[in-house]
């Protein structure tokens, strides 16, 4: 998986000179990740194509995508997202008492 993000970084080097080639590489990386059963990582790679403006029907996707950076592990992002939702839920329950 780490090689996939390395490949995305390498693809970024040709982004300005060959946008079609860049998009093809990144889409191929995302497809490969999805085939390996890594839907979040595939979605994060696809989101990098459109500066994060990518909708995906995955739990916690909005939270993960809004703070997503390739150098932050998915596990950390999911944990942060879960903790934030839990905190908001607890705060809302306290307000409604």
PDB file of N, CA and C in Angstrom:
ATOM      1  N   UNK A   1       0.815  -1.181   0.000  1.00  0.00           N
ATOM      2  CA  UNK A   1       0.000   0.000   0.000  1.00  0.00           C
ATOM      3  C   UNK A   1       0.863   1.250   0.000  1.00  0.00           C
ATOM      4  N   UNK A   2       1.950   1.234   0.751  1.00  0.00           N
ATOM      5  CA  UNK A   2       2.841   2.380   0.780  1.00  0.00           C
ATOM      6  C   UNK A   2       3.404   2.684  -0.602  1.00  0.00           C
ATOM      7  N   UNK A   3       3.584   1.649  -1.394  1.00  0.00           N
ATOM      8  CA  UNK A   3       4.082   1.853  -2.747  1.00  0.00           C
ATOM      9  C   UNK A   3       3.050   2.577  -3.611  1.00  0.00           C
ATOM     10  N   UNK A   4       1.785   2.392  -3.299  1.00  0.00           N
ATOM     11  CA  UNK A   4       0.744   3.072  -4.066  1.00  0.00           C
ATOM     12  C   UNK A   4       0.844   4.575  -3.885  1.00  0.00           C
ATOM     13  N   UNK A   5       1.031   5.021  -2.647  1.00  0.00           N
ATOM     14  CA  UNK A   5       1.172   6.460  -2.417  1.00  0.00           C
ATOM     15  C   UNK A   5       2.482   6.980  -2.993  1.00  0.00           C
ATOM     16  N   UNK A   6       3.500   6.137  -2.995  1.00  0.00           N
ATOM     17  CA  UNK A   6       4.753   6.530  -3.629  1.00  0.00           C
ATOM     18  C   UNK A   6       4.533   6.699  -5.131  1.00  0.00           C
ATOM     19  N   UNK A   7       3.737   5.804  -5.714  1.00  0.00           N
ATOM     20  CA  UNK A   7       3.425   5.900  -7.142  1.00  0.00           C
ATOM     21  C   UNK A   7       2.627   7.166  -7.447  1.00  0.00           C
ATOM     22  N   UNK A   8       1.707   7.529  -6.556  1.00  0.00           N
ATOM     23  CA  UNK A   8       0.949   8.772  -6.731  1.00  0.00           C
ATOM     24  C   UNK A   8       1.898   9.961  -6.687  1.00  0.00           C
ATOM     25  N   UNK A   9       2.837   9.941  -5.751  1.00  0.00           N
ATOM     26  CA  UNK A   9       3.826  11.024  -5.661  1.00  0.00           C
ATOM     27  C   UNK A   9       4.659  11.124  -6.932  1.00  0.00           C
ATOM     28  N   UNK A  10       5.066   9.968  -7.461  1.00  0.00           N
ATOM     29  CA  UNK A  10       5.834   9.950  -8.701  1.00  0.00           C
ATOM     30  C   UNK A  10       4.991  10.464  -9.864  1.00  0.00           C
ATOM     31  N   UNK A  11       3.723  10.094  -9.885  1.00  0.00           N
ATOM     32  CA  UNK A  11       2.831  10.552 -10.950  1.00  0.00           C
ATOM     33  C   UNK A  11       2.670  12.069 -10.903  1.00  0.00           C
ATOM     34  N   UNK A  12       2.713  12.647  -9.706  1.00  0.00           N
ATOM     35  CA  UNK A  12       2.589  14.098  -9.568  1.00  0.00           C
ATOM     36  C   UNK A  12       3.691  14.842 -10.317  1.00  0.00           C
ATOM     37  N   UNK A  13       4.816  14.173 -10.531  1.00  0.00           N
ATOM     38  CA  UNK A  13       5.928  14.803 -11.241  1.00  0.00           C
ATOM     39  C   UNK A  13       5.592  15.099 -12.701  1.00  0.00           C
ATOM     40  N   UNK A  14       4.692  14.316 -13.284  1.00  0.00           N
ATOM     41  CA  UNK A  14       4.317  14.532 -14.686  1.00  0.00           C
ATOM     42  C   UNK A  14       2.966  15.236 -14.829  1.00  0.00           C
ATOM     43  N   UNK A  15       2.376  15.609 -13.711  1.00  0.00           N
ATOM     44  CA  UNK A  15       1.044  16.215 -13.718  1.00  0.00           C
ATOM     45  C   UNK A  15       0.945  17.412 -14.669  1.00  0.00           C
ATOM     46  N   UNK A  16       1.871  18.332 -14.575  1.00  0.00           N
ATOM     47  CA  UNK A  16       1.798  19.546 -15.387  1.00  0.00           C
ATOM     48  C   UNK A  16       2.151  19.313 -16.855  1.00  0.00           C
ATOM     49  N   UNK A  17       3.036  18.379 -17.112  1.00  0.00           N
ATOM     50  CA  UNK A  17       3.474  18.161 -18.492  1.00  0.00           C
ATOM     51  C   UNK A  17       2.608  17.158 -19.251  1.00  0.00           C
ATOM     52  N   UNK A  18       1.904  16.275 -18.532  1.00  0.00           N
ATOM     53  CA  UNK A  18       1.092  15.240 -19.190  1.00  0.00           C
ATOM     54  C   UNK A  18      -0.115  14.925 -18.320  1.00  0.00           C
ATOM     55  N   UNK A  19      -1.096  15.812 -18.326  1.00  0.00           N
ATOM     56  CA  UNK A  19      -2.255  15.662 -17.440  1.00  0.00           C
ATOM     57  C   UNK A  19      -3.037  14.382 -17.729  1.00  0.00           C
ATOM     58  N   UNK A  20      -3.184  14.020 -18.989  1.00  0.00           N
ATOM     59  CA  UNK A  20      -3.919  12.787 -19.329  1.00  0.00           C
ATOM     60  C   UNK A  20      -3.176  11.554 -18.818  1.00  0.00           C
ATOM     61  N   UNK A  21      -1.861  11.543 -18.988  1.00  0.00           N
ATOM     62  CA  UNK A  21      -1.058  10.440 -18.478  1.00  0.00           C
ATOM     63  C   UNK A  21      -1.125  10.354 -16.972  1.00  0.00           C
ATOM     64  N   UNK A  22      -1.068  11.519 -16.321  1.00  0.00           N
ATOM     65  CA  UNK A  22      -1.169  11.588 -14.860  1.00  0.00           C
ATOM     66  C   UNK A  22      -2.502  11.013 -14.391  1.00  0.00           C
ATOM     67  N   UNK A  23      -3.597  11.472 -14.996  1.00  0.00           N
ATOM     68  CA  UNK A  23      -4.922  10.990 -14.597  1.00  0.00           C
ATOM     69  C   UNK A  23      -5.051   9.488 -14.817  1.00  0.00           C
ATOM     70  N   UNK A  24      -4.513   9.009 -15.922  1.00  0.00           N
ATOM     71  CA  UNK A  24      -4.560   7.575 -16.212  1.00  0.00           C
ATOM     72  C   UNK A  24      -3.793   6.770 -15.162  1.00  0.00           C
ATOM     73  N   UNK A  25      -2.614   7.246 -14.792  1.00  0.00           N
ATOM     74  CA  UNK A  25      -1.813   6.567 -13.758  1.00  0.00           C
ATOM     75  C   UNK A  25      -2.551   6.530 -12.423  1.00  0.00           C
ATOM     76  N   UNK A  26      -3.072   7.670 -12.019  1.00  0.00           N
ATOM     77  CA  UNK A  26      -3.727   7.753 -10.710  1.00  0.00           C
ATOM     78  C   UNK A  26      -4.999   6.908 -10.694  1.00  0.00           C
ATOM     79  N   UNK A  27      -5.761   6.933 -11.765  1.00  0.00           N
ATOM     80  CA  UNK A  27      -6.969   6.090 -11.833  1.00  0.00           C
ATOM     81  C   UNK A  27      -6.594   4.612 -11.784  1.00  0.00           C
ATOM     82  N   UNK A  28      -5.489   4.249 -12.440  1.00  0.00           N
ATOM     83  CA  UNK A  28      -5.019   2.868 -12.402  1.00  0.00           C
ATOM     84  C   UNK A  28      -4.595   2.446 -11.004  1.00  0.00           C
ATOM     85  N   UNK A  29      -3.939   3.344 -10.290  1.00  0.00           N
ATOM     86  CA  UNK A  29      -3.535   3.061  -8.906  1.00  0.00           C
ATOM     87  C   UNK A  29      -4.768   2.856  -8.042  1.00  0.00           C
ATOM     88  N   UNK A  30      -5.770   3.732  -8.213  1.00  0.00           N
ATOM     89  CA  UNK A  30      -7.008   3.613  -7.434  1.00  0.00           C
ATOM     90  C   UNK A  30      -7.718   2.294  -7.746  1.00  0.00           C
ATOM     91  N   UNK A  31      -7.771   1.934  -9.007  1.00  0.00           N
ATOM     92  CA  UNK A  31      -8.412   0.678  -9.410  1.00  0.00           C
ATOM     93  C   UNK A  31      -7.695  -0.515  -8.790  1.00  0.00           C
ATOM     94  N   UNK A  32      -6.371  -0.471  -8.775  1.00  0.00           N
ATOM     95  CA  UNK A  32      -5.569  -1.540  -8.179  1.00  0.00           C
ATOM     96  C   UNK A  32      -5.853  -1.660  -6.676  1.00  0.00           C
ATOM     97  N   UNK A  33      -5.925  -0.521  -6.002  1.00  0.00           N
ATOM     98  CA  UNK A  33      -6.216  -0.542  -4.561  1.00  0.00           C
ATOM     99  C   UNK A  33      -7.603  -1.109  -4.293  1.00  0.00           C
ATOM    100  N   UNK A  34      -8.561  -0.713  -5.115  1.00  0.00           N
ATOM    101  CA  UNK A  34      -9.922  -1.230  -4.946  1.00  0.00           C
ATOM    102  C   UNK A  34      -9.960  -2.741  -5.163  1.00  0.00           C
ATOM    103  N   UNK A  35      -9.232  -3.222  -6.162  1.00  0.00           N
ATOM    104  CA  UNK A  35      -9.172  -4.662  -6.440  1.00  0.00           C
ATOM    105  C   UNK A  35      -8.547  -5.428  -5.276  1.00  0.00           C
ATOM    106  N   UNK A  36      -7.682  -4.758  -4.522  1.00  0.00           N
ATOM    107  CA  UNK A  36      -7.045  -5.377  -3.360  1.00  0.00           C
ATOM    108  C   UNK A  36      -7.911  -5.269  -2.111  1.00  0.00           C
ATOM    109  N   UNK A  37      -9.132  -4.740  -2.253  1.00  0.00           N
ATOM    110  CA  UNK A  37     -10.034  -4.629  -1.109  1.00  0.00           C
ATOM    111  C   UNK A  37      -9.730  -3.442  -0.216  1.00  0.00           C
ATOM    112  N   UNK A  38      -9.219  -2.379  -0.802  1.00  0.00           N
ATOM    113  CA  UNK A  38      -8.857  -1.184  -0.038  1.00  0.00           C
ATOM    114  C   UNK A  38      -9.667   0.022  -0.538  1.00  0.00           C
ATOM    115  N   UNK A  39     -10.982   0.020  -0.274  1.00  0.00           N
ATOM    116  CA  UNK A  39     -11.837   1.069  -0.846  1.00  0.00           C
ATOM    117  C   UNK A  39     -11.524   2.475  -0.335  1.00  0.00           C
ATOM    118  N   UNK A  40     -11.127   2.605   0.928  1.00  0.00           N
ATOM    119  CA  UNK A  40     -10.801   3.933   1.442  1.00  0.00           C
ATOM    120  C   UNK A  40      -9.561   4.502   0.757  1.00  0.00           C
ATOM    121  N   UNK A  41      -8.544   3.690   0.615  1.00  0.00           N
ATOM    122  CA  UNK A  41      -7.324   4.163  -0.025  1.00  0.00           C
ATOM    123  C   UNK A  41      -7.586   4.480  -1.492  1.00  0.00           C
ATOM    124  N   UNK A  42      -8.393   3.657  -2.150  1.00  0.00           N
ATOM    125  CA  UNK A  42      -8.746   3.942  -3.545  1.00  0.00           C
ATOM    126  C   UNK A  42      -9.485   5.278  -3.633  1.00  0.00           C
ATOM    127  N   UNK A  43     -10.402   5.510  -2.715  1.00  0.00           N
ATOM    128  CA  UNK A  43     -11.155   6.769  -2.710  1.00  0.00           C
ATOM    129  C   UNK A  43     -10.238   7.951  -2.407  1.00  0.00           C
ATOM    130  N   UNK A  44      -9.289   7.775  -1.489  1.00  0.00           N
ATOM    131  CA  UNK A  44      -8.346   8.863  -1.181  1.00  0.00           C
ATOM    132  C   UNK A  44      -7.500   9.207  -2.402  1.00  0.00           C
ATOM    133  N   UNK A  45      -7.097   8.187  -3.155  1.00  0.00           N
ATOM    134  CA  UNK A  45      -6.312   8.426  -4.366  1.00  0.00           C
ATOM    135  C   UNK A  45      -7.171   9.153  -5.397  1.00  0.00           C
ATOM    136  N   UNK A  46      -8.412   8.693  -5.584  1.00  0.00           N
ATOM    137  CA  UNK A  46      -9.305   9.370  -6.539  1.00  0.00           C
ATOM    138  C   UNK A  46      -9.571  10.812  -6.106  1.00  0.00           C
ATOM    139  N   UNK A  47      -9.711  11.034  -4.821  1.00  0.00           N
ATOM    140  CA  UNK A  47      -9.946  12.386  -4.311  1.00  0.00           C
ATOM    141  C   UNK A  47      -8.760  13.296  -4.618  1.00  0.00           C
ATOM    142  N   UNK A  48      -7.572  12.730  -4.675  1.00  0.00           N
ATOM    143  CA  UNK A  48      -6.396  13.546  -4.987  1.00  0.00           C
ATOM    144  C   UNK A  48      -6.448  14.092  -6.413  1.00  0.00           C
ATOM    145  N   UNK A  49      -7.213  13.434  -7.282  1.00  0.00           N
ATOM    146  CA  UNK A  49      -7.374  13.913  -8.655  1.00  0.00           C
ATOM    147  C   UNK A  49      -8.200  15.195  -8.724  1.00  0.00           C
ATOM    148  N   UNK A  50      -9.116  15.338  -7.803  1.00  0.00           N
ATOM    149  CA  UNK A  50     -10.067  16.463  -7.855  1.00  0.00           C
ATOM    150  C   UNK A  50      -9.959  17.330  -6.613  1.00  0.00           C
ATOM    151  N   UNK A  51      -8.766  17.424  -6.074  1.00  0.00           N
ATOM    152  CA  UNK A  51      -8.494  18.264  -4.893  1.00  0.00           C
ATOM    153  C   UNK A  51      -9.451  18.005  -3.740  1.00  0.00           C
ATOM    154  N   UNK A  52      -9.756  16.737  -3.510  1.00  0.00           N
ATOM    155  CA  UNK A  52     -10.582  16.355  -2.375  1.00  0.00           C
ATOM    156  C   UNK A  52     -12.077  16.422  -2.613  1.00  0.00           C
ATOM    157  N   UNK A  53     -12.492  16.952  -3.738  1.00  0.00           N
ATOM    158  CA  UNK A  53     -13.918  17.084  -4.035  1.00  0.00           C
ATOM    159  C   UNK A  53     -14.425  15.788  -4.661  1.00  0.00           C
ATOM    160  N   UNK A  54     -14.533  14.761  -3.839  1.00  0.00           N
ATOM    161  CA  UNK A  54     -14.906  13.434  -4.323  1.00  0.00           C
ATOM    162  C   UNK A  54     -15.874  12.816  -3.330  1.00  0.00           C
ATOM    163  N   UNK A  55     -17.029  12.393  -3.811  1.00  0.00           N
ATOM    164  CA  UNK A  55     -18.030  11.779  -2.951  1.00  0.00           C
ATOM    165  C   UNK A  55     -17.899  10.258  -3.000  1.00  0.00           C
ATOM    166  N   UNK A  56     -18.007   9.648  -1.839  1.00  0.00           N
ATOM    167  CA  UNK A  56     -17.894   8.200  -1.744  1.00  0.00           C
ATOM    168  C   UNK A  56     -18.821   7.745  -0.636  1.00  0.00           C
ATOM    169  N   UNK A  57     -19.497   6.638  -0.824  1.00  0.00           N
ATOM    170  CA  UNK A  57     -20.425   6.120   0.165  1.00  0.00           C
ATOM    171  C   UNK A  57     -19.709   5.117   1.083  1.00  0.00           C
ATOM    172  N   UNK A  58     -18.859   5.646   1.945  1.00  0.00           N
ATOM    173  CA  UNK A  58     -18.132   4.848   2.928  1.00  0.00           C
ATOM    174  C   UNK A  58     -18.340   5.468   4.305  1.00  0.00           C
ATOM    175  N   UNK A  59     -18.457   4.644   5.351  1.00  0.00           N
ATOM    176  CA  UNK A  59     -18.579   5.219   6.697  1.00  0.00           C
ATOM    177  C   UNK A  59     -17.395   6.142   6.998  1.00  0.00           C
ATOM    178  N   UNK A  60     -17.700   7.297   7.561  1.00  0.00           N
ATOM    179  CA  UNK A  60     -16.704   8.293   7.959  1.00  0.00           C
ATOM    180  C   UNK A  60     -15.976   8.924   6.768  1.00  0.00           C
ATOM    181  N   UNK A  61     -16.468   8.731   5.553  1.00  0.00           N
ATOM    182  CA  UNK A  61     -15.753   9.250   4.394  1.00  0.00           C
ATOM    183  C   UNK A  61     -15.598  10.766   4.444  1.00  0.00           C
ATOM    184  N   UNK A  62     -16.666  11.481   4.766  1.00  0.00           N
ATOM    185  CA  UNK A  62     -16.575  12.945   4.792  1.00  0.00           C
ATOM    186  C   UNK A  62     -15.473  13.401   5.727  1.00  0.00           C
ATOM    187  N   UNK A  63     -15.408  12.810   6.905  1.00  0.00           N
ATOM    188  CA  UNK A  63     -14.402  13.194   7.876  1.00  0.00           C
ATOM    189  C   UNK A  63     -12.992  12.816   7.399  1.00  0.00           C
ATOM    190  N   UNK A  64     -12.872  11.614   6.883  1.00  0.00           N
ATOM    191  CA  UNK A  64     -11.566  11.148   6.398  1.00  0.00           C
ATOM    192  C   UNK A  64     -11.106  12.027   5.240  1.00  0.00           C
ATOM    193  N   UNK A  65     -11.997  12.307   4.309  1.00  0.00           N
ATOM    194  CA  UNK A  65     -11.634  13.084   3.133  1.00  0.00           C
ATOM    195  C   UNK A  65     -11.292  14.527   3.480  1.00  0.00           C
ATOM    196  N   UNK A  66     -11.979  15.099   4.444  1.00  0.00           N
ATOM    197  CA  UNK A  66     -11.740  16.503   4.773  1.00  0.00           C
ATOM    198  C   UNK A  66     -10.375  16.721   5.424  1.00  0.00           C
ATOM    199  N   UNK A  67      -9.851  15.689   6.068  1.00  0.00           N
ATOM    200  CA  UNK A  67      -8.546  15.836   6.708  1.00  0.00           C
ATOM    201  C   UNK A  67      -7.503  14.909   6.095  1.00  0.00           C
ATOM    202  N   UNK A  68      -7.832  14.366   4.938  1.00  0.00           N
ATOM    203  CA  UNK A  68      -6.968  13.370   4.313  1.00  0.00           C
ATOM    204  C   UNK A  68      -5.706  13.971   3.711  1.00  0.00           C
ATOM    205  N   UNK A  69      -4.617  13.362   4.071  1.00  0.00           N
ATOM    206  CA  UNK A  69      -3.319  13.644   3.476  1.00  0.00           C
ATOM    207  C   UNK A  69      -2.653  12.292   3.298  1.00  0.00           C
ATOM    208  N   UNK A  70      -1.963  12.123   2.207  1.00  0.00           N
ATOM    209  CA  UNK A  70      -1.393  10.808   1.918  1.00  0.00           C
ATOM    210  C   UNK A  70      -0.390  10.348   2.966  1.00  0.00           C
ATOM    211  N   UNK A  71       0.196  11.287   3.710  1.00  0.00           N
ATOM    212  CA  UNK A  71       1.204  10.882   4.692  1.00  0.00           C
ATOM    213  C   UNK A  71       0.600  10.524   6.045  1.00  0.00           C
ATOM    214  N   UNK A  72      -0.711  10.649   6.197  1.00  0.00           N
ATOM    215  CA  UNK A  72      -1.381  10.251   7.441  1.00  0.00           C
ATOM    216  C   UNK A  72      -2.024   8.891   7.201  1.00  0.00           C
ATOM    217  N   UNK A  73      -1.794   7.969   8.119  1.00  0.00           N
ATOM    218  CA  UNK A  73      -2.325   6.620   7.918  1.00  0.00           C
ATOM    219  C   UNK A  73      -3.842   6.619   7.977  1.00  0.00           C
ATOM    220  N   UNK A  74      -4.428   5.715   7.215  1.00  0.00           N
ATOM    221  CA  UNK A  74      -5.878   5.586   7.180  1.00  0.00           C
ATOM    222  C   UNK A  74      -6.422   5.229   8.560  1.00  0.00           C
ATOM    223  N   UNK A  75      -5.727   4.361   9.278  1.00  0.00           N
ATOM    224  CA  UNK A  75      -6.172   3.960  10.612  1.00  0.00           C
ATOM    225  C   UNK A  75      -6.267   5.186  11.520  1.00  0.00           C
ATOM    226  N   UNK A  76      -5.260   6.028  11.469  1.00  0.00           N
ATOM    227  CA  UNK A  76      -5.272   7.245  12.287  1.00  0.00           C
ATOM    228  C   UNK A  76      -6.435   8.155  11.888  1.00  0.00           C
ATOM    229  N   UNK A  77      -6.656   8.324  10.586  1.00  0.00           N
ATOM    230  CA  UNK A  77      -7.762   9.155  10.119  1.00  0.00           C
ATOM    231  C   UNK A  77      -9.113   8.602  10.556  1.00  0.00           C
ATOM    232  N   UNK A  78      -9.293   7.291  10.454  1.00  0.00           N
ATOM    233  CA  UNK A  78     -10.556   6.681  10.869  1.00  0.00           C
ATOM    234  C   UNK A  78     -10.765   6.812  12.375  1.00  0.00           C
ATOM    235  N   UNK A  79      -9.704   6.627  13.151  1.00  0.00           N
ATOM    236  CA  UNK A  79      -9.815   6.778  14.607  1.00  0.00           C
ATOM    237  C   UNK A  79     -10.159   8.214  14.978  1.00  0.00           C
ATOM    238  N   UNK A  80      -9.502   9.169  14.347  1.00  0.00           N
ATOM    239  CA  UNK A  80      -9.800  10.573  14.612  1.00  0.00           C
ATOM    240  C   UNK A  80     -11.242  10.891  14.241  1.00  0.00           C
ATOM    241  N   UNK A  81     -11.692  10.367  13.125  1.00  0.00           N
ATOM    242  CA  UNK A  81     -13.060  10.609  12.668  1.00  0.00           C
ATOM    243  C   UNK A  81     -14.071  10.006  13.631  1.00  0.00           C
ATOM    244  N   UNK A  82     -13.813   8.782  14.081  1.00  0.00           N
ATOM    245  CA  UNK A  82     -14.698   8.129  15.033  1.00  0.00           C
ATOM    246  C   UNK A  82     -14.744   8.916  16.340  1.00  0.00           C
ATOM    247  N   UNK A  83     -13.582   9.318  16.835  1.00  0.00           N
ATOM    248  CA  UNK A  83     -13.536  10.084  18.089  1.00  0.00           C
ATOM    249  C   UNK A  83     -14.275  11.409  17.970  1.00  0.00           C
ATOM    250  N   UNK A  84     -14.140  12.074  16.839  1.00  0.00           N
ATOM    251  CA  UNK A  84     -14.837  13.338  16.631  1.00  0.00           C
ATOM    252  C   UNK A  84     -16.346  13.134  16.612  1.00  0.00           C
ATOM    253  N   UNK A  85     -16.818  12.107  15.929  1.00  0.00           N
ATOM    254  CA  UNK A  85     -18.258  11.824  15.907  1.00  0.00           C
ATOM    255  C   UNK A  85     -18.762  11.475  17.303  1.00  0.00           C
ATOM    256  N   UNK A  86     -17.992  10.671  18.029  1.00  0.00           N
ATOM    257  CA  UNK A  86     -18.382  10.292  19.379  1.00  0.00           C
ATOM    258  C   UNK A  86     -18.448  11.521  20.285  1.00  0.00           C
ATOM    259  N   UNK A  87     -17.465  12.384  20.190  1.00  0.00           N
ATOM    260  CA  UNK A  87     -17.444  13.620  20.977  1.00  0.00           C
ATOM    261  C   UNK A  87     -18.670  14.475  20.662  1.00  0.00           C
ATOM    262  N   UNK A  88     -18.990  14.635  19.383  1.00  0.00           N
ATOM    263  CA  UNK A  88     -20.151  15.422  18.983  1.00  0.00           C
ATOM    264  C   UNK A  88     -21.444  14.803  19.488  1.00  0.00           C
ATOM    265  N   UNK A  89     -21.532  13.489  19.447  1.00  0.00           N
ATOM    266  CA  UNK A  89     -22.714  12.790  19.946  1.00  0.00           C
ATOM    267  C   UNK A  89     -22.894  13.027  21.440  1.00  0.00           C
ATOM    268  N   UNK A  90     -21.820  12.902  22.185  1.00  0.00           N
ATOM    269  CA  UNK A  90     -21.871  13.124  23.644  1.00  0.00           C
ATOM    270  C   UNK A  90     -22.247  14.573  23.949  1.00  0.00           C
ATOM    271  N   UNK A  91     -21.657  15.504  23.239  1.00  0.00           N
ATOM    272  CA  UNK A  91     -21.980  16.919  23.464  1.00  0.00           C
ATOM    273  C   UNK A  91     -23.427  17.217  23.144  1.00  0.00           C
ATOM    274  N   UNK A  92     -23.941  16.630  22.071  1.00  0.00           N
ATOM    275  CA  UNK A  92     -25.341  16.846  21.710  1.00  0.00           C
ATOM    276  C   UNK A  92     -26.291  16.241  22.726  1.00  0.00           C
ATOM    277  N   UNK A  93     -25.921  15.103  23.314  1.00  0.00           N
ATOM    278  CA  UNK A  93     -26.762  14.495  24.338  1.00  0.00           C
ATOM    279  C   UNK A  93     -26.789  15.371  25.587  1.00  0.00           C
ATOM    280  N   UNK A  94     -25.644  15.956  25.932  1.00  0.00           N
ATOM    281  CA  UNK A  94     -25.576  16.821  27.105  1.00  0.00           C
ATOM    282  C   UNK A  94     -26.399  18.091  26.902  1.00  0.00           C
ATOM    283  N   UNK A  95     -26.410  18.612  25.688  1.00  0.00           N
ATOM    284  CA  UNK A  95     -27.180  19.820  25.382  1.00  0.00           C
ATOM    285  C   UNK A  95     -28.674  19.525  25.460  1.00  0.00           C
ATOM    286  N   UNK A  96     -29.085  18.336  25.034  1.00  0.00           N
ATOM    287  CA  UNK A  96     -30.501  17.984  25.001  1.00  0.00           C
ATOM    288  C   UNK A  96     -31.056  17.542  26.346  1.00  0.00           C
ATOM    289  N   UNK A  97     -30.261  17.518  27.372  1.00  0.00           N
ATOM    290  CA  UNK A  97     -30.736  17.105  28.715  1.00  0.00           C
ATOM    291  C   UNK A  97     -31.425  18.209  29.406  1.00  0.00           C
TER     292      UNK A  97
END
